[in-house]
Amino acid sequence: MPDQKIQEYRDSIDSINLEILQLLSKRASVVSQIGKRQTEMGQKHYDPTRESEMLEKLEAANPGPFAGGTIKQLFKEIFKASLDLEEKQDKPKLKYSRKAKPENTTVVVSRGDVRVEFGGAEKVLISGPCSIESWEQMESTAAFVASRGVKLLRGGAYKPRTSPYGFQGLGEEGLQYGARAAAMHGQVFVAEVMDTRDVELAAHYADMLQVGTRNAQNFALLKEVGKAGKPVLLKRGMSSTMEEWLLTAEYILSSGNDQIVLCERGIRTFEKWTRNTLDLSAVAVAKLETHLPVIVDVTHAAGRRDILIPLAKAALAVGADGVHVEVHPNPATALSDNEQQLDFAGFDQFMLEVRPMLGWK
């Protein structure tokens, strides 16, 4: 049993602790009001002159037994916590966050009676060529992948290429081919848009608009895509952090469109044996932090067709809502990214291995 006198002192300390806690809470309430007023006036929250004045007054009024330096250090911690409180309340609630919307968002892409749902019980598979090169190429690919159960056809009509001399896509003609092929084979069509001037045209033909990695922080484009009234496939920037990626989604959400599918497609690192480095941890984190569906583009992550199957399995195992993989009738003759696209036989092998994880009926 502790000494009775010591116990009395401890009881006194407990009482004083509660008094300090009440005063700290009262102080925090006043700090919160100051912070709101500063925000209204467009002022910064941190004022070093004001902090110095308060510390000098406290040191001058210090009755001991703590040294002046100790008092300063204690109150600096209180000031720091107060500043954090002001800045936290100043932040808007981000629409992508589960704090703003705890339940999952389901994204629906449709054309007539055809309906594809991201975030449902079944996983989604997006397939098609990197670039739309001709009507024959697009129609034969659409027919093939549709026969394997793929309802979402992809194809690039506008191609962002590293070299200005590379194949840049067929533009509106390519969009026409993609939309026509999808309609013929009971599919919906997703196509990338690169320029604000092309958003309306792309939205006329495509059922879902893609924002590619090179345009992930093209903020004017993100706003226009957000206002287009179509679901959006939003790829992660090749050098974007998680925060930057999710804030690109915020641009679209803030334009009134919550029909966004996040797409992890690998980030740029020093590794040379793959085109990019697939960040599966980003998929897991995005599923925890956001209510939006998340898929993985294994084709652009790998840059090589021989590891697409294990990457797709890993993506689905970590919780991805679907997989994006490129298919071409004859990859050797493809006008872009020929080393990473599957031929029809390769796609059949891919489906044999991956289909059980898709949950397709």
Protein backbone atom coordinates (compact mmCIF):
# COMPACT_ATOMS: atom_id res chain seq x y z
CA MET A 1 0.00 0.00 0.00
CA PRO A 2 1.37 3.47 -0.86
CA ASP A 3 2.04 5.91 1.94
CA GLN A 4 -1.11 7.85 2.87
CA LYS A 5 0.58 11.21 2.33
CA ILE A 6 1.87 10.15 -1.09
CA GLN A 7 -1.63 9.01 -2.02
CA GLU A 8 -3.01 12.41 -1.02
CA TYR A 9 -0.45 14.12 -3.23
CA ARG A 10 -1.31 11.81 -6.10
CA ASP A 11 -5.00 12.55 -5.68
CA SER A 12 -4.14 16.24 -5.80
CA ILE A 13 -2.13 15.74 -9.00
CA ASP A 14 -5.06 13.87 -10.59
CA SER A 15 -7.30 16.81 -9.78
CA ILE A 16 -4.80 19.31 -11.18
CA ASN A 17 -4.41 17.19 -14.34
CA LEU A 18 -8.15 17.43 -14.93
CA GLU A 19 -8.03 21.19 -14.41
CA ILE A 20 -5.18 21.47 -16.94
CA LEU A 21 -7.14 19.30 -19.38
CA GLN A 22 -10.19 21.53 -19.06
CA LEU A 23 -8.06 24.62 -19.63
CA LEU A 24 -6.36 23.04 -22.65
CA SER A 25 -9.77 22.22 -24.14
CA LYS A 26 -10.96 25.77 -23.47
CA ARG A 27 -7.80 27.13 -25.09
CA ALA A 28 -8.29 24.85 -28.11
CA SER A 29 -11.84 26.16 -28.54
CA VAL A 30 -10.57 29.74 -28.67
CA VAL A 31 -7.75 28.73 -31.03
CA SER A 32 -10.32 27.12 -33.32
CA GLN A 33 -12.29 30.37 -33.50
CA ILE A 34 -9.12 32.34 -34.26
CA GLY A 35 -8.27 29.86 -37.03
CA LYS A 36 -11.70 30.19 -38.65
CA ARG A 37 -11.45 33.97 -38.60
CA GLN A 38 -7.94 33.89 -40.09
CA THR A 39 -9.20 31.62 -42.87
CA GLU A 40 -12.08 34.00 -43.62
CA MET A 41 -9.59 36.90 -43.83
CA GLY A 42 -7.11 34.94 -45.94
CA GLN A 43 -4.41 35.09 -43.25
CA LYS A 44 -1.81 32.47 -42.39
CA HIS A 45 -2.30 30.53 -39.20
CA TYR A 46 1.28 30.64 -37.99
CA ASP A 47 2.50 34.00 -36.62
CA PRO A 48 6.08 33.75 -35.28
CA THR A 49 5.92 37.25 -33.76
CA ARG A 50 2.82 36.34 -31.77
CA GLU A 51 4.45 33.09 -30.62
CA SER A 52 7.57 34.93 -29.41
CA GLU A 53 5.44 37.45 -27.50
CA MET A 54 3.51 34.68 -25.71
CA LEU A 55 6.68 32.81 -24.77
CA GLU A 56 8.31 35.96 -23.39
CA LYS A 57 5.24 36.72 -21.25
CA LEU A 58 5.16 33.16 -19.94
CA GLU A 59 8.85 33.21 -19.08
CA ALA A 60 8.51 36.54 -17.30
CA ALA A 61 5.50 35.34 -15.29
CA ASN A 62 7.06 31.96 -14.44
CA PRO A 63 6.96 31.45 -10.64
CA GLY A 64 9.08 28.28 -10.78
CA PRO A 65 10.17 25.69 -9.95
CA PHE A 66 10.50 24.88 -13.67
CA ALA A 67 13.25 26.76 -15.50
CA GLY A 68 12.25 29.28 -18.14
CA GLY A 69 13.54 27.02 -20.94
CA THR A 70 11.38 24.16 -19.72
CA ILE A 71 8.28 26.36 -19.66
CA LYS A 72 9.03 27.50 -23.22
CA GLN A 73 9.42 23.92 -24.40
CA LEU A 74 6.15 22.81 -22.79
CA PHE A 75 4.19 25.67 -24.31
CA LYS A 76 5.80 25.22 -27.72
CA GLU A 77 4.24 21.75 -27.78
CA ILE A 78 0.86 23.28 -26.92
CA PHE A 79 1.33 25.88 -29.67
CA LYS A 80 2.26 23.17 -32.18
CA ALA A 81 -0.84 21.11 -31.32
CA SER A 82 -2.96 24.26 -31.64
CA LEU A 83 -1.53 25.04 -35.08
CA ASP A 84 -2.22 21.48 -36.22
CA LEU A 85 -5.82 21.89 -35.05
CA GLU A 86 -6.24 25.11 -37.04
CA GLU A 87 -4.79 23.60 -40.20
CA LYS A 88 -6.84 20.40 -39.96
CA GLN A 89 -10.12 22.28 -39.63
CA ASP A 90 -9.04 24.45 -42.58
CA LYS A 91 -8.81 21.47 -44.92
CA PRO A 92 -11.90 20.74 -47.02
CA LYS A 93 -13.40 17.26 -46.84
CA LEU A 94 -11.98 15.47 -49.86
CA LYS A 95 -14.68 13.84 -51.94
CA TYR A 96 -12.56 10.79 -52.81
CA SER A 97 -12.11 9.89 -49.14
CA ARG A 98 -14.04 7.27 -47.23
CA LYS A 99 -14.41 9.93 -44.53
CA ALA A 100 -16.68 11.78 -46.94
CA LYS A 101 -18.38 8.62 -48.25
CA PRO A 102 -17.84 5.38 -46.28
CA GLU A 103 -19.72 3.10 -48.69
CA ASN A 104 -18.24 1.90 -51.98
CA THR A 105 -19.10 3.69 -55.22
CA THR A 106 -20.26 1.52 -58.07
CA VAL A 107 -19.33 2.77 -61.53
CA VAL A 108 -21.61 1.72 -64.38
CA VAL A 109 -20.64 1.91 -68.06
CA SER A 110 -23.50 1.21 -70.43
CA ARG A 111 -24.59 1.28 -74.06
CA GLY A 112 -28.17 0.23 -74.78
CA ASP A 113 -28.74 -3.10 -73.04
CA VAL A 114 -25.01 -3.66 -72.41
CA ARG A 115 -23.93 -2.85 -68.87
CA VAL A 116 -20.54 -3.14 -67.18
CA GLU A 117 -20.27 -2.56 -63.44
CA PHE A 118 -17.06 -1.74 -61.59
CA GLY A 119 -17.05 -2.42 -57.87
CA GLY A 120 -19.61 -5.23 -57.97
CA ALA A 121 -19.28 -8.93 -57.20
CA GLU A 122 -17.68 -9.72 -60.56
CA LYS A 123 -14.32 -8.33 -61.63
CA VAL A 124 -14.05 -6.40 -64.89
CA LEU A 125 -11.71 -7.21 -67.74
CA ILE A 126 -10.86 -4.44 -70.22
CA SER A 127 -9.27 -5.65 -73.44
CA GLY A 128 -8.42 -4.39 -76.90
CA PRO A 129 -5.49 -3.05 -78.89
CA CYS A 130 -3.16 -0.29 -77.81
CA SER A 131 -3.93 1.74 -80.94
CA ILE A 132 -6.87 1.54 -83.31
CA GLU A 133 -5.09 1.05 -86.64
CA SER A 134 -7.86 0.03 -89.04
CA TRP A 135 -11.46 -1.12 -89.11
CA GLU A 136 -10.42 -4.73 -89.83
CA GLN A 137 -8.02 -4.79 -86.87
CA MET A 138 -10.56 -3.30 -84.46
CA GLU A 139 -13.50 -5.41 -85.57
CA SER A 140 -11.58 -8.69 -85.45
CA THR A 141 -10.24 -7.90 -81.96
CA ALA A 142 -13.68 -6.90 -80.70
CA ALA A 143 -15.22 -10.09 -82.09
CA PHE A 144 -12.52 -12.24 -80.50
CA VAL A 145 -12.53 -10.76 -76.99
CA ALA A 146 -16.34 -10.59 -76.99
CA SER A 147 -16.43 -14.34 -77.69
CA ARG A 148 -14.36 -14.78 -74.51
CA GLY A 149 -16.82 -12.80 -72.40
CA VAL A 150 -15.16 -9.37 -72.47
CA LYS A 151 -17.76 -6.60 -72.44
CA LEU A 152 -15.47 -3.58 -72.24
CA LEU A 153 -13.48 -2.88 -75.41
CA ARG A 154 -10.55 -0.48 -75.36
CA GLY A 155 -8.65 1.17 -78.16
CA GLY A 156 -6.56 4.29 -78.58
CA ALA A 157 -7.73 6.85 -81.14
CA TYR A 158 -5.36 9.53 -79.82
CA LYS A 159 -1.93 8.21 -78.89
CA PRO A 160 0.46 10.17 -76.68
CA ARG A 161 3.86 9.06 -77.94
CA THR A 162 7.29 9.88 -76.55
CA SER A 163 8.55 10.57 -80.06
CA PRO A 164 6.66 13.11 -82.19
CA TYR A 165 7.30 10.82 -85.17
CA GLY A 166 5.52 7.80 -83.69
CA PHE A 167 2.01 6.76 -84.75
CA GLN A 168 -0.34 9.31 -83.16
CA GLY A 169 -3.64 7.51 -83.77
CA LEU A 170 -6.50 7.90 -86.23
CA GLY A 171 -8.42 10.52 -84.25
CA GLU A 172 -12.15 10.68 -84.97
CA GLU A 173 -11.92 7.87 -87.51
CA GLY A 174 -10.50 5.62 -84.80
CA LEU A 175 -13.28 6.61 -82.40
CA GLN A 176 -15.82 5.68 -85.05
CA TYR A 177 -14.23 2.27 -85.56
CA GLY A 178 -14.12 1.58 -81.81
CA ALA A 179 -17.73 2.60 -81.18
CA ARG A 180 -18.96 0.65 -84.21
CA ALA A 181 -17.05 -2.51 -83.29
CA ALA A 182 -18.30 -2.38 -79.69
CA ALA A 183 -21.91 -1.93 -80.85
CA MET A 184 -21.60 -4.87 -83.28
CA HIS A 185 -20.37 -7.25 -80.59
CA GLY A 186 -22.43 -6.24 -77.56
CA GLN A 187 -19.73 -4.26 -75.80
CA VAL A 188 -19.07 -0.82 -74.38
CA PHE A 189 -16.13 1.25 -75.56
CA VAL A 190 -13.42 3.13 -73.62
CA ALA A 191 -11.04 5.53 -75.33
CA GLU A 192 -8.40 7.97 -74.14
CA VAL A 193 -8.83 11.70 -74.57
CA MET A 194 -5.79 14.00 -74.46
CA ASP A 195 -7.02 17.49 -75.25
CA THR A 196 -9.80 19.62 -73.78
CA ARG A 197 -10.85 20.40 -77.34
CA ASP A 198 -11.53 16.69 -78.02
CA VAL A 199 -13.56 15.85 -74.91
CA GLU A 200 -16.97 16.51 -76.48
CA LEU A 201 -16.07 14.53 -79.60
CA ALA A 202 -14.65 11.58 -77.64
CA ALA A 203 -17.69 11.55 -75.34
CA HIS A 204 -19.92 11.32 -78.43
CA TYR A 205 -18.36 7.99 -79.45
CA ALA A 206 -16.94 6.47 -76.26
CA ASP A 207 -18.98 5.12 -73.35
CA MET A 208 -16.09 5.72 -70.96
CA LEU A 209 -13.33 8.32 -71.19
CA GLN A 210 -9.76 7.47 -70.25
CA VAL A 211 -7.27 9.96 -68.84
CA GLY A 212 -3.81 8.53 -69.46
CA THR A 213 -0.70 8.67 -67.36
CA ARG A 214 0.81 11.60 -69.28
CA ASN A 215 -2.29 13.69 -68.65
CA ALA A 216 -2.86 12.69 -65.05
CA GLN A 217 -2.08 16.23 -63.90
CA ASN A 218 -3.54 18.06 -66.87
CA PHE A 219 -5.95 19.90 -64.62
CA ALA A 220 -7.87 21.64 -67.39
CA LEU A 221 -8.50 18.27 -69.04
CA LEU A 222 -9.57 16.69 -65.74
CA LYS A 223 -12.18 19.42 -65.23
CA GLU A 224 -13.55 19.03 -68.75
CA VAL A 225 -13.71 15.26 -68.45
CA GLY A 226 -15.52 15.69 -65.14
CA LYS A 227 -18.21 17.76 -66.85
CA ALA A 228 -18.60 15.43 -69.86
CA GLY A 229 -21.21 13.20 -68.23
CA LYS A 230 -19.36 9.94 -68.93
CA PRO A 231 -17.63 7.46 -66.59
CA VAL A 232 -13.88 8.03 -66.37
CA LEU A 233 -10.97 5.60 -66.31
CA LEU A 234 -8.27 7.56 -64.47
CA LYS A 235 -4.75 6.22 -64.76
CA ARG A 236 -2.10 7.04 -62.19
CA GLY A 237 0.64 9.39 -63.35
CA MET A 238 3.87 7.51 -63.98
CA SER A 239 5.64 9.58 -61.29
CA SER A 240 2.65 10.43 -59.11
CA THR A 241 2.48 9.80 -55.39
CA MET A 242 -0.67 8.30 -53.93
CA GLU A 243 -1.80 11.74 -52.79
CA GLU A 244 -1.25 13.25 -56.24
CA TRP A 245 -3.13 10.39 -57.90
CA LEU A 246 -6.13 10.72 -55.61
CA LEU A 247 -6.18 14.50 -55.96
CA THR A 248 -6.47 14.08 -59.73
CA ALA A 249 -9.66 12.14 -58.97
CA GLU A 250 -10.72 15.04 -56.75
CA TYR A 251 -10.63 17.36 -59.76
CA ILE A 252 -13.15 15.15 -61.55
CA LEU A 253 -15.25 14.66 -58.42
CA SER A 254 -15.33 18.40 -57.77
CA SER A 255 -16.76 18.84 -61.29
CA GLY A 256 -19.78 16.76 -60.26
CA ASN A 257 -18.79 13.32 -61.59
CA ASP A 258 -18.31 10.45 -59.14
CA GLN A 259 -18.21 7.77 -61.85
CA ILE A 260 -14.44 7.29 -61.67
CA VAL A 261 -12.40 4.10 -61.85
CA LEU A 262 -8.85 4.47 -60.57
CA CYS A 263 -6.24 2.58 -62.60
CA GLU A 264 -2.82 1.66 -61.25
CA ARG A 265 -0.51 1.18 -64.27
CA GLY A 266 2.94 1.10 -62.73
CA ILE A 267 5.24 3.94 -61.70
CA ARG A 268 8.60 4.98 -63.07
CA THR A 269 11.58 3.71 -61.07
CA PHE A 270 15.21 2.86 -61.86
CA GLU A 271 14.21 -0.69 -62.85
CA LYS A 272 14.83 -1.53 -66.53
CA TRP A 273 13.61 -5.13 -66.79
CA THR A 274 9.99 -3.97 -66.82
CA ARG A 275 8.52 -0.90 -68.48
CA ASN A 276 7.30 0.37 -65.11
CA THR A 277 7.14 -0.93 -61.56
CA LEU A 278 3.69 -2.23 -60.64
CA ASP A 279 2.75 -0.76 -57.25
CA LEU A 280 0.31 -3.27 -55.78
CA SER A 281 0.50 -1.56 -52.39
CA ALA A 282 -1.14 1.43 -54.06
CA VAL A 283 -4.13 -0.75 -54.95
CA ALA A 284 -4.53 -1.90 -51.35
CA VAL A 285 -4.15 1.64 -50.00
CA ALA A 286 -6.55 3.13 -52.56
CA LYS A 287 -9.18 0.53 -51.64
CA LEU A 288 -8.83 1.51 -47.97
CA GLU A 289 -8.68 5.27 -48.40
CA THR A 290 -11.21 5.79 -51.21
CA HIS A 291 -14.70 4.61 -52.09
CA LEU A 292 -13.83 4.44 -55.81
CA PRO A 293 -13.24 1.18 -57.73
CA VAL A 294 -9.60 0.37 -58.51
CA ILE A 295 -8.27 -1.69 -61.42
CA VAL A 296 -4.78 -2.58 -62.63
CA ASP A 297 -3.35 -2.13 -66.12
CA VAL A 298 -0.87 -5.00 -66.21
CA THR A 299 0.13 -4.33 -69.83
CA HIS A 300 1.67 -0.92 -69.25
CA ALA A 301 3.07 -1.92 -65.89
CA ALA A 302 5.02 -4.81 -67.39
CA GLY A 303 5.80 -3.68 -70.93
CA ARG A 304 6.30 -7.36 -71.74
CA ARG A 305 3.72 -10.04 -72.38
CA ASP A 306 5.48 -12.94 -70.61
CA ILE A 307 4.62 -11.78 -67.07
CA LEU A 308 1.07 -10.50 -67.60
CA ILE A 309 -0.58 -13.57 -66.07
CA PRO A 310 1.19 -13.49 -62.66
CA LEU A 311 0.76 -9.71 -62.44
CA ALA A 312 -2.96 -10.01 -63.15
CA LYS A 313 -3.33 -12.73 -60.52
CA ALA A 314 -1.47 -10.62 -57.98
CA ALA A 315 -3.61 -7.57 -58.79
CA LEU A 316 -6.84 -9.49 -58.26
CA ALA A 317 -5.49 -11.14 -55.11
CA VAL A 318 -4.71 -7.76 -53.54
CA GLY A 319 -8.27 -6.57 -54.13
CA ALA A 320 -8.37 -4.92 -57.56
CA ASP A 321 -11.84 -4.62 -59.09
CA GLY A 322 -10.55 -5.57 -62.51
CA VAL A 323 -7.68 -5.87 -64.95
CA HIS A 324 -6.74 -4.00 -68.12
CA VAL A 325 -4.81 -6.01 -70.74
CA GLU A 326 -4.04 -5.24 -74.37
CA VAL A 327 -4.77 -7.64 -77.23
CA HIS A 328 -3.86 -7.38 -80.92
CA PRO A 329 -4.48 -9.76 -83.87
CA ASN A 330 -0.79 -9.63 -84.79
CA PRO A 331 1.36 -7.80 -82.20
CA ALA A 332 4.47 -8.07 -84.37
CA THR A 333 2.92 -5.61 -86.83
CA ALA A 334 1.35 -3.31 -84.25
CA LEU A 335 2.03 0.40 -84.78
CA SER A 336 2.60 0.94 -81.04
CA ASP A 337 3.71 -1.11 -78.03
CA ASN A 338 4.07 -4.36 -79.96
CA GLU A 339 6.18 -6.09 -77.27
CA GLN A 340 3.51 -5.88 -74.58
CA GLN A 341 0.31 -6.86 -76.40
CA LEU A 342 -1.06 -10.39 -76.38
CA ASP A 343 -2.04 -12.19 -79.56
CA PHE A 344 -5.27 -14.18 -79.60
CA ALA A 345 -3.62 -17.44 -78.50
CA GLY A 346 -1.83 -15.60 -75.70
CA PHE A 347 -5.11 -14.06 -74.57
CA ASP A 348 -6.74 -17.49 -74.42
CA GLN A 349 -3.92 -18.68 -72.14
CA PHE A 350 -4.31 -15.51 -70.08
CA MET A 351 -8.04 -16.19 -69.66
CA LEU A 352 -7.45 -19.83 -68.78
CA GLU A 353 -5.26 -18.75 -65.86
CA VAL A 354 -7.06 -15.58 -64.73
CA ARG A 355 -10.73 -16.30 -65.34
CA PRO A 356 -11.25 -18.25 -62.06
CA MET A 357 -10.25 -15.14 -60.13
CA LEU A 358 -12.65 -12.86 -62.00
CA GLY A 359 -15.75 -14.40 -60.45
CA TRP A 360 -17.52 -14.53 -63.81
CA LYS A 361 -20.69 -16.61 -63.97
